[in-house]
Amino acid sequence: MVIVGMVAIPAVGAVAQENSETEPENDVDEMSPGERLSGVMGVQQAELDGEIERNAFTIALERADDNATKASHITEKLNETEARLTEFDERKAELDEQRANGDITEGQYRAQMAKMATEVETQKQQLNQSNATASELPEETLEENGVNVTAIGTLMNNANELSGGEVSEIARSIAGDRSGVVDRPGEDRDRSEDRGEQRQDDRDTDETSDAADRDDEQDQEQENEAGANEQRDDTDDETDDDSNTENGSDAGSNGGGTDAGNQ
C-alpha cells in the first residue's frame, strides 16, 4: 500500500505540471482578435508615452546648469516613480479581483496587464538612468538635494516584482520578447535601439550643412567686396585719365598763348 501511495503522488504532480504548462496557451487562445488588438495598441501607446517621458528626463539632466540641479531632477523623478509604482500595484490588485469575480474576460485582463508591463518598464529604465547619473555626483550634493540612493534599489525591486511572473509571461505573449516594449508598425526592432545614434547623426549633418552655408556666405561676401574694389579702382583710373586730359588741354592752351605773345 505504501508503494502505491508513493507512485500515486508523482502521478498527481505530473498532471498538475502538465496542466500548468498548457494553461498559458489556453489563456492566450481565450483572447479574441479584438482583445489582442486592444492589447497590442495599448502596449504601443504606452511605449510611445514612455519614450516621450524618458526623453524629457534625459533633456532635463543634460541641460542642468550644475550638479545640484541634476540631483534635484533625480529626486523629483524618484518621487514620481514611487507614486507610479504604487498606482500600478493598486491597478494590478483591482484587475486580479475583477478577473476573479468574472467582471472582465481573460482577454481583457491580459490586454490591460501587457500595457501595464510596458509602463513599468519605462519606470525601470528611468530608475537605471537616475542611478547612473547619481553615481557621477558627489555624495554631499546628493544628500543636500534629498537623493536617496538606497531608495533607487528598493524601487527597482518593487518594479521587478510588478513586471515579473505572470505579468512578464502575458507581456511576452502579446508584445514579444522585449519586456513589454514592442516595435511600432513599419519599424525594425534595431531601429528603436539606434534612435539616439540617428538623432546624433542628424544633428551632425545639420551642423555640417550650417557650416557649409556659412562658408558660402563668406565666399560670396569676399567676391562682392573684391568686385567693389575693382569697380573703385576702375573709377579712380578713369578719374586720373580725365585729370591728365584736362592738364594736357590746359598746357596746350598756355603754349598757344605764349606763341602769340612772342609773335
C-alpha atoms as a PDB file:
ATOM      1  CA  MET A   1       0.000   0.000   0.000  1.00  0.00           C
ATOM      2  CA  VAL A   2       2.880   2.348   0.752  1.00  0.00           C
ATOM      3  CA  ILE A   3       4.394   1.720  -2.650  1.00  0.00           C
ATOM      4  CA  VAL A   4       1.111   2.532  -4.337  1.00  0.00           C
ATOM      5  CA  GLY A   5       0.884   5.795  -2.424  1.00  0.00           C
ATOM      6  CA  MET A   6       4.357   6.768  -3.436  1.00  0.00           C
ATOM      7  CA  VAL A   7       3.558   6.096  -7.065  1.00  0.00           C
ATOM      8  CA  ALA A   8       0.301   7.995  -6.920  1.00  0.00           C
ATOM      9  CA  ILE A   9       1.829  11.221  -5.615  1.00  0.00           C
ATOM     10  CA  PRO A  10       4.206  11.745  -8.549  1.00  0.00           C
ATOM     11  CA  ALA A  11       1.360  10.986 -10.911  1.00  0.00           C
ATOM     12  CA  VAL A  12      -0.713  13.798  -9.444  1.00  0.00           C
ATOM     13  CA  GLY A  13       2.267  16.139  -9.587  1.00  0.00           C
ATOM     14  CA  ALA A  14       2.886  15.271 -13.222  1.00  0.00           C
ATOM     15  CA  VAL A  15      -0.727  16.030 -14.114  1.00  0.00           C
ATOM     16  CA  ALA A  16      -0.577  19.297 -12.239  1.00  0.00           C
ATOM     17  CA  GLN A  17       2.649  20.247 -14.011  1.00  0.00           C
ATOM     18  CA  GLU A  18       1.192  19.400 -17.391  1.00  0.00           C
ATOM     19  CA  ASN A  19      -1.894  21.491 -16.683  1.00  0.00           C
ATOM     20  CA  SER A  20       0.279  24.376 -15.508  1.00  0.00           C
ATOM     21  CA  GLU A  21       2.394  24.239 -18.677  1.00  0.00           C
ATOM     22  CA  THR A  22      -0.581  24.189 -21.006  1.00  0.00           C
ATOM     23  CA  GLU A  23      -2.601  26.789 -19.111  1.00  0.00           C
ATOM     24  CA  PRO A  24      -0.851  29.848 -20.620  1.00  0.00           C
ATOM     25  CA  GLU A  25      -1.617  28.588 -24.113  1.00  0.00           C
ATOM     26  CA  ASN A  26      -5.276  28.181 -23.169  1.00  0.00           C
ATOM     27  CA  ASP A  27      -5.287  31.717 -21.758  1.00  0.00           C
ATOM     28  CA  VAL A  28      -3.774  33.053 -24.958  1.00  0.00           C
ATOM     29  CA  ASP A  29      -6.364  31.194 -27.014  1.00  0.00           C
ATOM     30  CA  GLU A  30      -9.091  32.809 -24.923  1.00  0.00           C
ATOM     31  CA  MET A  31      -8.181  36.230 -26.299  1.00  0.00           C
ATOM     32  CA  SER A  32     -10.436  37.310 -29.120  1.00  0.00           C
ATOM     33  CA  PRO A  33      -8.917  39.152 -32.101  1.00  0.00           C
ATOM     34  CA  GLY A  34     -10.359  42.396 -30.783  1.00  0.00           C
ATOM     35  CA  GLU A  35      -8.886  41.862 -27.330  1.00  0.00           C
ATOM     36  CA  ARG A  36      -5.493  41.014 -28.777  1.00  0.00           C
ATOM     37  CA  LEU A  37      -5.579  44.120 -30.999  1.00  0.00           C
ATOM     38  CA  SER A  38      -6.537  46.189 -27.969  1.00  0.00           C
ATOM     39  CA  GLY A  39      -3.576  44.770 -26.080  1.00  0.00           C
ATOM     40  CA  VAL A  40      -1.119  45.488 -28.895  1.00  0.00           C
ATOM     41  CA  MET A  41      -2.389  49.040 -29.341  1.00  0.00           C
ATOM     42  CA  GLY A  42      -2.262  49.644 -25.592  1.00  0.00           C
ATOM     43  CA  VAL A  43       1.344  48.463 -25.458  1.00  0.00           C
ATOM     44  CA  GLN A  44       2.366  50.613 -28.421  1.00  0.00           C
ATOM     45  CA  GLN A  45       0.747  53.713 -26.916  1.00  0.00           C
ATOM     46  CA  ALA A  46       2.424  53.034 -23.579  1.00  0.00           C
ATOM     47  CA  GLU A  47       5.746  52.644 -25.389  1.00  0.00           C
ATOM     48  CA  LEU A  48       5.298  55.993 -27.158  1.00  0.00           C
ATOM     49  CA  ASP A  49       4.351  57.754 -23.913  1.00  0.00           C
ATOM     50  CA  GLY A  50       7.308  56.143 -22.207  1.00  0.00           C
ATOM     51  CA  GLU A  51       9.735  57.319 -24.875  1.00  0.00           C
ATOM     52  CA  ILE A  52       8.489  60.888 -24.511  1.00  0.00           C
ATOM     53  CA  GLU A  53       8.832  60.674 -20.737  1.00  0.00           C
ATOM     54  CA  ARG A  54      12.362  59.244 -20.921  1.00  0.00           C
ATOM     55  CA  ASN A  55      13.489  61.861 -23.443  1.00  0.00           C
ATOM     56  CA  ALA A  56      12.134  64.679 -21.268  1.00  0.00           C
ATOM     57  CA  PHE A  57      14.081  63.349 -18.278  1.00  0.00           C
ATOM     58  CA  THR A  58      17.246  62.973 -20.343  1.00  0.00           C
ATOM     59  CA  ILE A  59      16.992  66.516 -21.700  1.00  0.00           C
ATOM     60  CA  ALA A  60      16.411  67.905 -18.204  1.00  0.00           C
ATOM     61  CA  LEU A  61      19.586  66.222 -16.954  1.00  0.00           C
ATOM     62  CA  GLU A  62      21.643  67.320 -19.963  1.00  0.00           C
ATOM     63  CA  ARG A  63      20.539  70.950 -19.642  1.00  0.00           C
ATOM     64  CA  ALA A  64      21.137  71.134 -15.887  1.00  0.00           C
ATOM     65  CA  ASP A  65      23.480  74.006 -15.070  1.00  0.00           C
ATOM     66  CA  ASP A  66      25.205  72.235 -12.181  1.00  0.00           C
ATOM     67  CA  ASN A  67      25.284  69.045 -10.109  1.00  0.00           C
ATOM     68  CA  ALA A  68      22.768  70.380  -7.625  1.00  0.00           C
ATOM     69  CA  THR A  69      20.204  70.837 -10.384  1.00  0.00           C
ATOM     70  CA  LYS A  70      20.834  67.309 -11.643  1.00  0.00           C
ATOM     71  CA  ALA A  71      20.358  65.933  -8.136  1.00  0.00           C
ATOM     72  CA  SER A  72      17.129  67.886  -7.817  1.00  0.00           C
ATOM     73  CA  HIS A  73      15.822  66.355 -11.057  1.00  0.00           C
ATOM     74  CA  ILE A  74      16.698  62.882  -9.775  1.00  0.00           C
ATOM     75  CA  THR A  75      14.831  63.458  -6.505  1.00  0.00           C
ATOM     76  CA  GLU A  76      11.774  64.659  -8.391  1.00  0.00           C
ATOM     77  CA  LYS A  77      11.886  61.655 -10.718  1.00  0.00           C
ATOM     78  CA  LEU A  78      12.257  59.171  -7.833  1.00  0.00           C
ATOM     79  CA  ASN A  79       9.218  60.638  -6.072  1.00  0.00           C
ATOM     80  CA  GLU A  80       7.267  60.416  -9.301  1.00  0.00           C
ATOM     81  CA  THR A  81       8.383  56.827  -9.903  1.00  0.00           C
ATOM     82  CA  GLU A  82       7.381  55.784  -6.402  1.00  0.00           C
ATOM     83  CA  ALA A  83       3.892  57.208  -6.933  1.00  0.00           C
ATOM     84  CA  ARG A  84       3.562  55.487 -10.311  1.00  0.00           C
ATOM     85  CA  LEU A  85       4.623  52.094  -8.960  1.00  0.00           C
ATOM     86  CA  THR A  86       2.078  52.421  -6.150  1.00  0.00           C
ATOM     87  CA  GLU A  87      -0.562  53.189  -8.762  1.00  0.00           C
ATOM     88  CA  PHE A  88       0.448  50.135 -10.811  1.00  0.00           C
ATOM     89  CA  ASP A  89       0.306  47.894  -7.738  1.00  0.00           C
ATOM     90  CA  GLU A  90      -3.217  49.070  -6.968  1.00  0.00           C
ATOM     91  CA  ARG A  91      -4.266  48.636 -10.596  1.00  0.00           C
ATOM     92  CA  LYS A  92      -2.932  45.094 -10.659  1.00  0.00           C
ATOM     93  CA  ALA A  93      -4.828  44.193  -7.485  1.00  0.00           C
ATOM     94  CA  GLU A  94      -8.011  45.634  -8.983  1.00  0.00           C
ATOM     95  CA  LEU A  95      -7.572  43.695 -12.228  1.00  0.00           C
ATOM     96  CA  ASP A  96      -6.902  40.476 -10.295  1.00  0.00           C
ATOM     97  CA  GLU A  97     -10.119  40.990  -8.362  1.00  0.00           C
ATOM     98  CA  GLN A  98     -12.145  41.785 -11.470  1.00  0.00           C
ATOM     99  CA  ARG A  99     -10.884  38.663 -13.202  1.00  0.00           C
ATOM    100  CA  ALA A 100     -11.618  36.505 -10.151  1.00  0.00           C
ATOM    101  CA  ASN A 101     -15.166  37.889  -9.932  1.00  0.00           C
ATOM    102  CA  GLY A 102     -15.775  37.445 -13.658  1.00  0.00           C
ATOM    103  CA  ASP A 103     -16.213  41.187 -14.203  1.00  0.00           C
ATOM    104  CA  ILE A 104     -13.710  41.122 -17.078  1.00  0.00           C
ATOM    105  CA  THR A 105     -12.709  38.388 -19.504  1.00  0.00           C
ATOM    106  CA  GLU A 106      -9.311  36.719 -19.504  1.00  0.00           C
ATOM    107  CA  GLY A 107      -8.508  38.515 -22.744  1.00  0.00           C
ATOM    108  CA  GLN A 108      -9.349  41.910 -21.269  1.00  0.00           C
ATOM    109  CA  TYR A 109      -7.236  41.124 -18.231  1.00  0.00           C
ATOM    110  CA  ARG A 110      -4.225  40.160 -20.329  1.00  0.00           C
ATOM    111  CA  ALA A 111      -4.526  43.229 -22.563  1.00  0.00           C
ATOM    112  CA  GLN A 112      -4.508  45.537 -19.532  1.00  0.00           C
ATOM    113  CA  MET A 113      -1.627  43.699 -17.885  1.00  0.00           C
ATOM    114  CA  ALA A 114       0.503  43.870 -21.046  1.00  0.00           C
ATOM    115  CA  LYS A 115       0.029  47.629 -21.177  1.00  0.00           C
ATOM    116  CA  MET A 116       0.930  47.960 -17.514  1.00  0.00           C
ATOM    117  CA  ALA A 117       4.089  45.871 -18.045  1.00  0.00           C
ATOM    118  CA  THR A 118       5.238  48.399 -20.659  1.00  0.00           C
ATOM    119  CA  GLU A 119       4.568  51.290 -18.295  1.00  0.00           C
ATOM    120  CA  VAL A 120       6.531  49.560 -15.531  1.00  0.00           C
ATOM    121  CA  GLU A 121       9.406  49.042 -17.971  1.00  0.00           C
ATOM    122  CA  THR A 122       9.545  52.804 -18.527  1.00  0.00           C
ATOM    123  CA  GLN A 123       9.917  53.348 -14.792  1.00  0.00           C
ATOM    124  CA  LYS A 124      12.686  50.742 -14.604  1.00  0.00           C
ATOM    125  CA  GLN A 125      14.635  52.429 -17.390  1.00  0.00           C
ATOM    126  CA  GLN A 126      14.362  55.800 -15.666  1.00  0.00           C
ATOM    127  CA  LEU A 127      15.496  54.247 -12.400  1.00  0.00           C
ATOM    128  CA  ASN A 128      18.571  52.936 -14.199  1.00  0.00           C
ATOM    129  CA  GLN A 129      19.203  56.387 -15.629  1.00  0.00           C
ATOM    130  CA  SER A 130      18.761  58.008 -12.215  1.00  0.00           C
ATOM    131  CA  ASN A 131      21.160  55.539 -10.662  1.00  0.00           C
ATOM    132  CA  ALA A 132      23.776  56.066 -13.398  1.00  0.00           C
ATOM    133  CA  THR A 133      23.599  59.859 -13.065  1.00  0.00           C
ATOM    134  CA  ALA A 134      23.641  59.753  -9.262  1.00  0.00           C
ATOM    135  CA  SER A 135      26.807  57.632  -9.339  1.00  0.00           C
ATOM    136  CA  GLU A 136      28.585  60.522 -11.078  1.00  0.00           C
ATOM    137  CA  LEU A 137      27.594  63.142  -8.479  1.00  0.00           C
ATOM    138  CA  PRO A 138      29.317  63.889  -5.161  1.00  0.00           C
ATOM    139  CA  GLU A 139      27.688  62.273  -2.125  1.00  0.00           C
ATOM    140  CA  GLU A 140      27.415  65.648  -0.427  1.00  0.00           C
ATOM    141  CA  THR A 141      25.427  67.036  -3.359  1.00  0.00           C
ATOM    142  CA  LEU A 142      23.100  64.022  -3.322  1.00  0.00           C
ATOM    143  CA  GLU A 143      22.433  64.381   0.401  1.00  0.00           C
ATOM    144  CA  GLU A 144      21.835  68.117   0.193  1.00  0.00           C
ATOM    145  CA  ASN A 145      19.222  67.600  -2.524  1.00  0.00           C
ATOM    146  CA  GLY A 146      17.443  64.645  -0.939  1.00  0.00           C
ATOM    147  CA  VAL A 147      18.637  61.866  -3.286  1.00  0.00           C
ATOM    148  CA  ASN A 148      18.312  58.523  -1.509  1.00  0.00           C
ATOM    149  CA  VAL A 149      20.484  56.079  -3.433  1.00  0.00           C
ATOM    150  CA  THR A 150      19.194  53.147  -1.367  1.00  0.00           C
ATOM    151  CA  ALA A 151      15.647  54.033  -2.391  1.00  0.00           C
ATOM    152  CA  ILE A 152      16.589  53.540  -6.052  1.00  0.00           C
ATOM    153  CA  GLY A 153      17.358  49.876  -5.394  1.00  0.00           C
ATOM    154  CA  THR A 154      14.148  49.441  -3.388  1.00  0.00           C
ATOM    155  CA  LEU A 155      12.048  50.944  -6.163  1.00  0.00           C
ATOM    156  CA  MET A 156      13.771  48.737  -8.730  1.00  0.00           C
ATOM    157  CA  ASN A 157      12.904  45.632  -6.687  1.00  0.00           C
ATOM    158  CA  ASN A 158       9.275  46.771  -6.496  1.00  0.00           C
ATOM    159  CA  ALA A 159       9.203  47.311 -10.250  1.00  0.00           C
ATOM    160  CA  ASN A 160      10.679  43.859 -10.897  1.00  0.00           C
ATOM    161  CA  GLU A 161       8.020  42.258  -8.713  1.00  0.00           C
ATOM    162  CA  LEU A 162       5.277  44.081 -10.592  1.00  0.00           C
ATOM    163  CA  SER A 163       6.578  43.091 -14.027  1.00  0.00           C
ATOM    164  CA  GLY A 164       7.722  39.545 -13.219  1.00  0.00           C
ATOM    165  CA  GLY A 165       5.974  36.187 -13.116  1.00  0.00           C
ATOM    166  CA  GLU A 166       2.597  36.062 -14.826  1.00  0.00           C
ATOM    167  CA  VAL A 167       2.816  39.710 -15.900  1.00  0.00           C
ATOM    168  CA  SER A 168       6.057  39.010 -17.768  1.00  0.00           C
ATOM    169  CA  GLU A 169       4.534  35.966 -19.477  1.00  0.00           C
ATOM    170  CA  ILE A 170       1.480  37.959 -20.518  1.00  0.00           C
ATOM    171  CA  ALA A 171       3.632  40.782 -21.894  1.00  0.00           C
ATOM    172  CA  ARG A 172       5.673  38.346 -23.988  1.00  0.00           C
ATOM    173  CA  SER A 173       2.562  36.630 -25.330  1.00  0.00           C
ATOM    174  CA  ILE A 174       1.194  39.935 -26.639  1.00  0.00           C
ATOM    175  CA  ALA A 175       4.205  42.198 -27.143  1.00  0.00           C
ATOM    176  CA  GLY A 176       7.015  39.741 -27.862  1.00  0.00           C
ATOM    177  CA  ASP A 177      10.291  39.138 -26.034  1.00  0.00           C
ATOM    178  CA  ARG A 178      11.025  42.732 -25.210  1.00  0.00           C
ATOM    179  CA  SER A 179       9.736  43.092 -21.637  1.00  0.00           C
ATOM    180  CA  GLY A 180       6.543  44.756 -22.721  1.00  0.00           C
ATOM    181  CA  VAL A 181       8.159  47.022 -25.340  1.00  0.00           C
ATOM    182  CA  VAL A 182       7.208  46.418 -28.969  1.00  0.00           C
ATOM    183  CA  ASP A 183       8.052  47.860 -32.343  1.00  0.00           C
ATOM    184  CA  ARG A 184       5.712  50.279 -33.977  1.00  0.00           C
ATOM    185  CA  PRO A 185       4.281  49.195 -37.340  1.00  0.00           C
ATOM    186  CA  GLY A 186       6.807  49.649 -40.132  1.00  0.00           C
ATOM    187  CA  GLU A 187       9.835  49.849 -37.832  1.00  0.00           C
ATOM    188  CA  ASP A 188      12.658  47.362 -37.378  1.00  0.00           C
ATOM    189  CA  ARG A 189      13.455  46.352 -33.836  1.00  0.00           C
ATOM    190  CA  ASP A 190      17.011  47.545 -34.143  1.00  0.00           C
ATOM    191  CA  ARG A 191      15.809  50.973 -35.211  1.00  0.00           C
ATOM    192  CA  SER A 192      14.360  51.769 -31.797  1.00  0.00           C
ATOM    193  CA  GLU A 193      17.702  50.930 -30.201  1.00  0.00           C
ATOM    194  CA  ASP A 194      19.552  53.171 -32.676  1.00  0.00           C
ATOM    195  CA  ARG A 195      17.276  56.213 -32.370  1.00  0.00           C
ATOM    196  CA  GLY A 196      19.766  58.059 -30.182  1.00  0.00           C
ATOM    197  CA  GLU A 197      22.578  57.480 -32.675  1.00  0.00           C
ATOM    198  CA  GLN A 198      20.371  58.504 -35.575  1.00  0.00           C
ATOM    199  CA  ARG A 199      19.373  61.728 -33.836  1.00  0.00           C
ATOM    200  CA  GLN A 200      23.072  62.472 -33.215  1.00  0.00           C
ATOM    201  CA  ASP A 201      23.883  61.792 -36.868  1.00  0.00           C
ATOM    202  CA  ASP A 202      21.096  64.159 -37.910  1.00  0.00           C
ATOM    203  CA  ARG A 203      22.457  66.866 -35.633  1.00  0.00           C
ATOM    204  CA  ASP A 204      25.963  66.376 -37.023  1.00  0.00           C
ATOM    205  CA  THR A 205      24.615  66.582 -40.571  1.00  0.00           C
ATOM    206  CA  ASP A 206      22.732  69.797 -39.764  1.00  0.00           C
ATOM    207  CA  GLU A 207      25.842  71.333 -38.199  1.00  0.00           C
ATOM    208  CA  THR A 208      27.936  70.409 -41.237  1.00  0.00           C
ATOM    209  CA  SER A 209      25.317  71.888 -43.549  1.00  0.00           C
ATOM    210  CA  ASP A 210      25.174  75.100 -41.498  1.00  0.00           C
ATOM    211  CA  ALA A 211      28.969  75.384 -41.597  1.00  0.00           C
ATOM    212  CA  ALA A 212      28.959  74.910 -45.366  1.00  0.00           C
ATOM    213  CA  ASP A 213      26.306  77.613 -45.715  1.00  0.00           C
ATOM    214  CA  ARG A 214      28.362  79.993 -43.612  1.00  0.00           C
ATOM    215  CA  ASP A 215      31.431  79.318 -45.772  1.00  0.00           C
ATOM    216  CA  ASP A 216      29.404  80.002 -48.911  1.00  0.00           C
ATOM    217  CA  GLU A 217      28.166  83.282 -47.455  1.00  0.00           C
ATOM    218  CA  GLN A 218      31.701  84.321 -46.547  1.00  0.00           C
ATOM    219  CA  ASP A 219      32.929  83.459 -50.050  1.00  0.00           C
ATOM    220  CA  GLN A 220      30.109  85.476 -51.575  1.00  0.00           C
ATOM    221  CA  GLU A 221      30.875  88.449 -49.349  1.00  0.00           C
ATOM    222  CA  GLN A 222      34.549  88.264 -50.337  1.00  0.00           C
ATOM    223  CA  GLU A 223      33.627  88.124 -54.020  1.00  0.00           C
ATOM    224  CA  ASN A 224      31.289  91.112 -53.628  1.00  0.00           C
ATOM    225  CA  GLU A 225      33.978  93.053 -51.788  1.00  0.00           C
ATOM    226  CA  ALA A 226      36.560  92.210 -54.458  1.00  0.00           C
ATOM    227  CA  GLY A 227      34.152  93.323 -57.172  1.00  0.00           C
ATOM    228  CA  ALA A 228      33.523  96.578 -55.358  1.00  0.00           C
ATOM    229  CA  ASN A 229      37.264  97.188 -55.027  1.00  0.00           C
ATOM    230  CA  GLU A 230      37.776  96.563 -58.740  1.00  0.00           C
ATOM    231  CA  GLN A 231      34.985  98.959 -59.559  1.00  0.00           C
ATOM    232  CA  ARG A 232      36.531 101.621 -57.330  1.00  0.00           C
ATOM    233  CA  ASP A 233      39.923 101.061 -58.977  1.00  0.00           C
ATOM    234  CA  ASP A 234      38.372 101.454 -62.435  1.00  0.00           C
ATOM    235  CA  THR A 235      36.672 104.640 -61.318  1.00  0.00           C
ATOM    236  CA  ASP A 236      39.924 106.002 -59.930  1.00  0.00           C
ATOM    237  CA  ASP A 237      41.737 105.173 -63.191  1.00  0.00           C
ATOM    238  CA  GLU A 238      39.073 106.954 -65.201  1.00  0.00           C
ATOM    239  CA  THR A 239      39.360 109.972 -62.915  1.00  0.00           C
ATOM    240  CA  ASP A 240      43.144 110.042 -63.361  1.00  0.00           C
ATOM    241  CA  ASP A 241      42.766 109.827 -67.146  1.00  0.00           C
ATOM    242  CA  ASP A 242      40.299 112.705 -67.145  1.00  0.00           C
ATOM    243  CA  SER A 243      42.668 114.752 -64.994  1.00  0.00           C
ATOM    244  CA  ASN A 244      45.580 114.061 -67.321  1.00  0.00           C
ATOM    245  CA  THR A 245      43.484 115.022 -70.331  1.00  0.00           C
ATOM    246  CA  GLU A 246      42.453 118.295 -68.728  1.00  0.00           C
ATOM    247  CA  ASN A 247      46.029 119.047 -67.759  1.00  0.00           C
ATOM    248  CA  GLY A 248      47.141 118.416 -71.371  1.00  0.00           C
ATOM    249  CA  SER A 249      44.465 120.745 -72.680  1.00  0.00           C
ATOM    250  CA  ASP A 250      45.493 123.457 -70.260  1.00  0.00           C
ATOM    251  CA  ALA A 251      49.125 123.067 -71.240  1.00  0.00           C
ATOM    252  CA  GLY A 252      48.228 123.296 -74.902  1.00  0.00           C
ATOM    253  CA  SER A 253      46.238 126.458 -74.292  1.00  0.00           C
ATOM    254  CA  ASN A 254      49.032 128.066 -72.364  1.00  0.00           C
ATOM    255  CA  GLY A 255      51.508 127.134 -75.086  1.00  0.00           C
ATOM    256  CA  GLY A 256      49.356 128.734 -77.744  1.00  0.00           C
ATOM    257  CA  GLY A 257      49.132 131.940 -75.742  1.00  0.00           C
ATOM    258  CA  THR A 258      52.889 132.152 -75.365  1.00  0.00           C
ATOM    259  CA  ASP A 259      53.470 131.688 -79.035  1.00  0.00           C
ATOM    260  CA  ALA A 260      51.043 134.504 -79.826  1.00  0.00           C
ATOM    261  CA  GLY A 261      52.844 136.835 -77.463  1.00  0.00           C
ATOM    262  CA  ASN A 262      56.198 136.088 -79.000  1.00  0.00           C
ATOM    263  CA  GLN A 263      54.935 136.955 -82.424  1.00  0.00           C
END
